[in-house]
Protein backbone atom coordinates (compact mmCIF):
# COMPACT_ATOMS: atom_id res chain seq x y z
CA MET A 1 13.05 33.51 10.19
CA ALA A 2 12.97 32.77 14.01
CA LYS A 3 14.30 29.19 15.21
CA PRO A 4 11.08 26.85 15.50
CA LYS A 5 10.06 27.29 19.28
CA ASN A 6 9.39 23.18 19.60
CA PRO A 7 10.97 21.59 16.76
CA VAL A 8 10.57 18.02 15.68
CA GLN A 9 13.28 16.69 12.98
CA VAL A 10 12.01 15.18 9.98
CA ALA A 11 14.94 14.77 7.85
CA VAL A 12 18.42 15.14 7.34
CA ILE A 13 20.51 16.38 3.98
CA GLY A 14 22.78 14.23 2.20
CA ALA A 15 24.76 14.41 -0.75
CA ALA A 16 24.31 16.36 -3.86
CA GLN A 17 22.42 14.52 -6.77
CA GLY A 18 22.95 15.99 -9.93
CA ILE A 19 24.01 19.62 -11.39
CA LYS A 20 20.92 21.43 -11.05
CA GLY A 21 20.57 21.81 -7.29
CA GLY A 22 19.23 18.40 -6.30
CA VAL A 23 19.96 17.07 -3.14
CA ARG A 24 19.51 13.28 -1.37
CA VAL A 25 17.37 13.66 1.43
CA LYS A 26 16.88 11.19 4.26
CA SER A 27 13.64 11.35 5.84
CA PHE A 28 12.25 10.11 9.05
CA THR A 29 8.83 9.97 7.73
CA GLY A 30 7.50 6.43 7.38
CA ASP A 31 6.68 7.40 3.59
CA PRO A 32 9.60 9.60 2.83
CA MET A 33 7.25 11.25 0.12
CA ALA A 34 5.10 12.70 2.86
CA LEU A 35 7.93 15.03 3.94
CA GLY A 36 6.25 17.01 1.44
CA ASP A 37 3.23 16.80 3.17
CA TYR A 38 4.37 19.80 6.28
CA GLY A 39 4.98 23.00 4.10
CA PRO A 40 8.36 24.74 4.90
CA LEU A 41 11.11 22.85 6.84
CA PHE A 42 13.75 24.72 8.76
CA ASP A 43 17.23 23.97 9.66
CA ARG A 44 18.52 24.74 13.56
CA GLU A 45 18.73 28.43 12.79
CA GLY A 46 15.70 28.84 11.27
CA ARG A 47 16.67 29.08 7.79
CA ARG A 48 13.76 28.26 5.69
CA PHE A 49 13.65 25.35 3.01
CA ASP A 50 10.85 25.51 0.46
CA ILE A 51 10.62 22.18 -1.27
CA LEU A 52 10.14 22.72 -5.29
CA ASP A 53 10.32 19.23 -6.30
CA LEU A 54 10.33 15.76 -4.63
CA ARG A 55 10.82 12.29 -6.10
CA PRO A 56 11.55 8.77 -4.63
CA HIS A 57 15.27 7.56 -4.52
CA ASN A 58 15.65 3.85 -3.04
CA GLN A 59 15.01 4.31 0.60
CA MET A 60 15.60 8.36 0.48
CA VAL A 61 14.44 11.26 -1.49
CA VAL A 62 15.73 13.55 -4.24
CA ALA A 63 14.48 17.38 -3.36
CA ARG A 64 15.31 20.46 -5.11
CA PHE A 65 14.64 23.54 -2.63
CA LYS A 66 14.07 27.07 -3.49
CA GLY A 67 17.14 28.72 -4.01
CA VAL A 68 19.44 25.89 -4.38
CA ALA A 69 20.21 26.13 -8.19
CA ASP A 70 23.57 24.08 -8.60
CA ARG A 71 25.61 21.53 -7.25
CA ASN A 72 28.07 23.62 -5.24
CA ALA A 73 25.17 25.12 -3.24
CA ALA A 74 23.50 21.67 -2.96
CA GLU A 75 26.94 20.07 -1.50
CA ALA A 76 26.89 22.89 0.99
CA LEU A 77 23.80 21.82 2.20
CA ASN A 78 25.35 18.23 3.25
CA GLY A 79 24.25 17.32 6.81
CA THR A 80 21.64 19.90 7.41
CA GLU A 81 19.04 18.88 9.87
CA LEU A 82 15.53 19.78 8.77
CA PHE A 83 12.66 20.40 11.11
CA ILE A 84 8.78 21.45 11.50
CA GLU A 85 6.87 22.83 14.23
CA ARG A 86 5.48 20.56 16.51
CA GLU A 87 2.13 22.02 16.05
CA ARG A 88 1.99 20.97 12.13
CA LEU A 89 2.16 17.54 13.15
CA PRO A 90 -1.17 15.70 13.02
CA GLU A 91 -3.19 15.29 16.27
CA ASP A 92 -5.42 12.66 15.03
CA LEU A 93 -3.63 9.92 16.89
CA GLU A 94 -5.29 6.76 18.31
CA ASP A 95 -5.11 5.22 21.63
CA GLU A 96 -1.71 4.27 22.94
CA GLU A 97 -0.04 6.49 20.12
CA PHE A 98 2.51 8.84 20.45
CA TYR A 99 5.13 11.59 19.54
CA HIS A 100 8.50 11.19 20.31
CA ALA A 101 8.81 14.87 21.09
CA ASP A 102 5.68 14.66 23.43
CA LEU A 103 7.46 12.12 25.49
CA VAL A 104 11.13 13.55 25.90
CA GLY A 105 10.99 15.28 29.07
CA LEU A 106 8.24 13.27 31.09
CA ASP A 107 8.95 12.02 34.41
CA ALA A 108 9.54 8.79 35.14
CA VAL A 109 7.82 7.70 38.48
CA ASP A 110 7.12 3.76 39.56
CA GLN A 111 3.93 2.14 41.01
CA ALA A 112 4.80 3.81 44.25
CA GLY A 113 4.92 7.52 42.90
CA ALA A 114 9.03 7.67 43.37
CA THR A 115 10.79 9.14 41.10
CA VAL A 116 12.83 7.23 38.91
CA GLY A 117 14.24 9.62 36.11
CA THR A 118 13.54 11.78 32.87
CA VAL A 119 13.16 10.58 29.71
CA ARG A 120 15.57 12.29 27.68
CA ALA A 121 15.21 10.27 24.21
CA VAL A 122 13.35 7.69 22.70
CA LEU A 123 15.27 5.15 20.76
CA ASN A 124 15.28 1.94 18.35
CA TYR A 125 18.04 -0.13 17.32
CA GLY A 126 15.64 -2.25 15.29
CA GLY A 127 14.27 -4.58 18.35
CA GLY A 128 11.54 -2.13 19.56
CA ASP A 129 11.36 1.22 20.91
CA ILE A 130 13.31 2.04 24.25
CA LEU A 131 13.16 5.23 26.40
CA ASP A 132 16.70 6.66 27.53
CA LEU A 133 16.08 7.75 31.41
CA ALA A 134 18.30 10.25 32.70
CA MET A 135 18.66 9.07 36.48
CA PRO A 136 18.70 11.41 39.30
CA GLY A 137 22.12 10.39 40.47
CA GLY A 138 23.68 10.72 37.33
CA GLY A 139 23.98 8.48 34.31
CA ASN A 140 20.87 6.70 32.24
CA ALA A 141 18.95 3.53 31.98
CA LEU A 142 17.49 2.07 29.35
CA VAL A 143 13.75 0.70 29.40
CA PRO A 144 11.80 -0.92 26.53
CA PHE A 145 9.05 1.17 25.75
CA THR A 146 6.16 -1.54 26.17
CA ARG A 147 2.77 -1.88 27.87
CA ALA A 148 4.28 -4.13 30.37
CA ALA A 149 7.31 -2.00 31.22
CA VAL A 150 5.21 1.25 30.83
CA PRO A 151 1.96 0.90 31.65
CA SER A 152 0.48 4.53 31.56
CA VAL A 153 1.39 7.21 30.01
CA ASP A 154 0.16 10.60 31.44
CA LEU A 155 0.99 13.63 28.71
CA ALA A 156 -1.10 16.27 30.45
CA GLY A 157 0.33 15.19 33.75
CA ARG A 158 3.93 15.26 32.15
CA ARG A 159 4.84 11.92 33.54
CA LEU A 160 4.68 8.23 32.83
CA MET A 161 4.84 5.14 35.18
CA LEU A 162 7.14 2.04 35.48
CA ASP A 163 6.87 -1.07 36.50
CA ARG A 164 10.23 -1.50 37.96
CA VAL A 165 10.42 -5.49 37.66
CA ALA A 166 9.08 -5.30 33.80
CA ALA A 167 11.37 -2.49 32.95
CA GLY A 168 14.52 -4.31 34.35
CA LEU A 169 15.11 -1.54 36.80
CA ASP A 170 15.40 -3.44 40.19
CA ASP A 171 19.11 -3.89 39.79
CA VAL A 172 19.78 -0.52 38.57
CA ASP A 173 20.89 2.27 40.88
CA ASP A 174 21.11 5.85 40.51
CA GLY A 175 24.31 6.46 38.18
CA GLU A 176 24.51 2.83 37.15
CA VAL A 177 24.26 2.71 33.21
CA GLY A 178 21.27 0.21 32.30
CA GLU A 179 21.33 -2.47 29.86
CA GLU A 180 19.59 -1.54 26.28
CA GLY A 181 16.51 -3.53 27.28
CA ASP A 182 15.10 -6.64 25.61
CA SER A 183 13.72 -7.09 22.05
CA ARG A 184 10.14 -6.77 22.44
CA GLY A 185 8.32 -4.47 20.21
CA GLY A 186 7.55 -0.90 21.51
CA ARG A 187 3.93 0.06 22.28
CA LYS A 188 1.58 0.61 19.48
CA GLY A 189 2.30 3.91 17.83
CA ARG A 190 2.51 5.65 14.64
CA GLY A 191 5.92 5.92 13.72
CA ARG A 192 5.06 9.29 13.11
CA GLU A 193 6.22 8.89 16.13
CA ARG A 194 5.28 5.98 17.62
CA ARG A 195 5.56 4.53 20.62
CA GLY A 196 8.32 5.09 18.95
CA GLY A 197 9.72 6.46 15.79
CA PHE A 198 8.65 9.30 13.48
CA ASP A 199 6.41 7.64 10.72
CA ALA A 200 3.77 9.20 8.46
CA SER A 201 3.10 6.26 6.36
CA ASP A 202 -0.25 5.24 8.14
CA ARG A 203 -1.44 8.85 8.46
CA PRO A 204 -3.93 10.79 6.41
CA ARG A 205 -1.78 13.67 4.57
CA GLY A 206 -1.83 16.81 6.04
CA PRO A 207 -3.88 20.03 5.78
CA LYS A 208 -3.08 22.16 2.86
CA SER A 209 -1.93 24.83 4.95
CA ALA A 210 0.53 22.23 5.91
CA GLY A 211 1.37 21.66 2.52
CA GLY A 212 -0.66 18.53 2.43
CA ASN A 213 -4.04 17.72 0.27
CA ARG A 214 -6.88 18.10 3.17
C-alpha cells in the first residue's frame, strides 16, 4: 500500500496489552472509540492496520489489529503513528470549524495585505489553540487562534488574516521567536480538528465506506 497522499494523524500505538496481540492506543479523536469509524489506518510507510477489536481503557483504547497475534508482535508496534487520508474526514463542518490539516501551510497576512508568515503547526498546551508561524526571515512566532487575533480564514485562497495587535506581533521581528500567546480559548472548531485539535466527539459517526454506521 502506498503512503497516504494527504495524511492526518489520528492515533499512536503504545504498550502491548495482554498476550494475544492487543495494544494500547492513544487516539486523537474526541471520543477515543471513534477511531474505529475511519476504516483502515496506515503508518508513515503506508503499512495498513485493520482493527479487529476496540475497547475503551481509561483515556485510551485497547485495539487488536489484523495480523498481530501475540505480545511480541504487539510490542514491536510501540510508538507507531497511525494516519488516515484527509478525504476520509467528514466535510459537514459548521461555520468557524476547521481541520488542522487544512490550516497548516496557509499564508498569514496582516490587515494591510503584508505577508507575516506561514502556518507550520497548530498547537494546544491546554489554554487554547495556537498557530505556529514560520517567519520569512527565519524563526517563528506563536499566535493565539482567536477571532480577535485571526479575524478571517480563507481556505480556498490558502491564507488567513491576522490582526497584528491582537496577535501580539507588533514587537515581533522576522527571525524573533514569539511568545506562546495568551490563554484565551481558540475559535470555535471541532476538535475533529478544531480551531484547533482533532476531536470526533461531536460529529456523527462516518459513512460505512469509512467504517462508520451511516
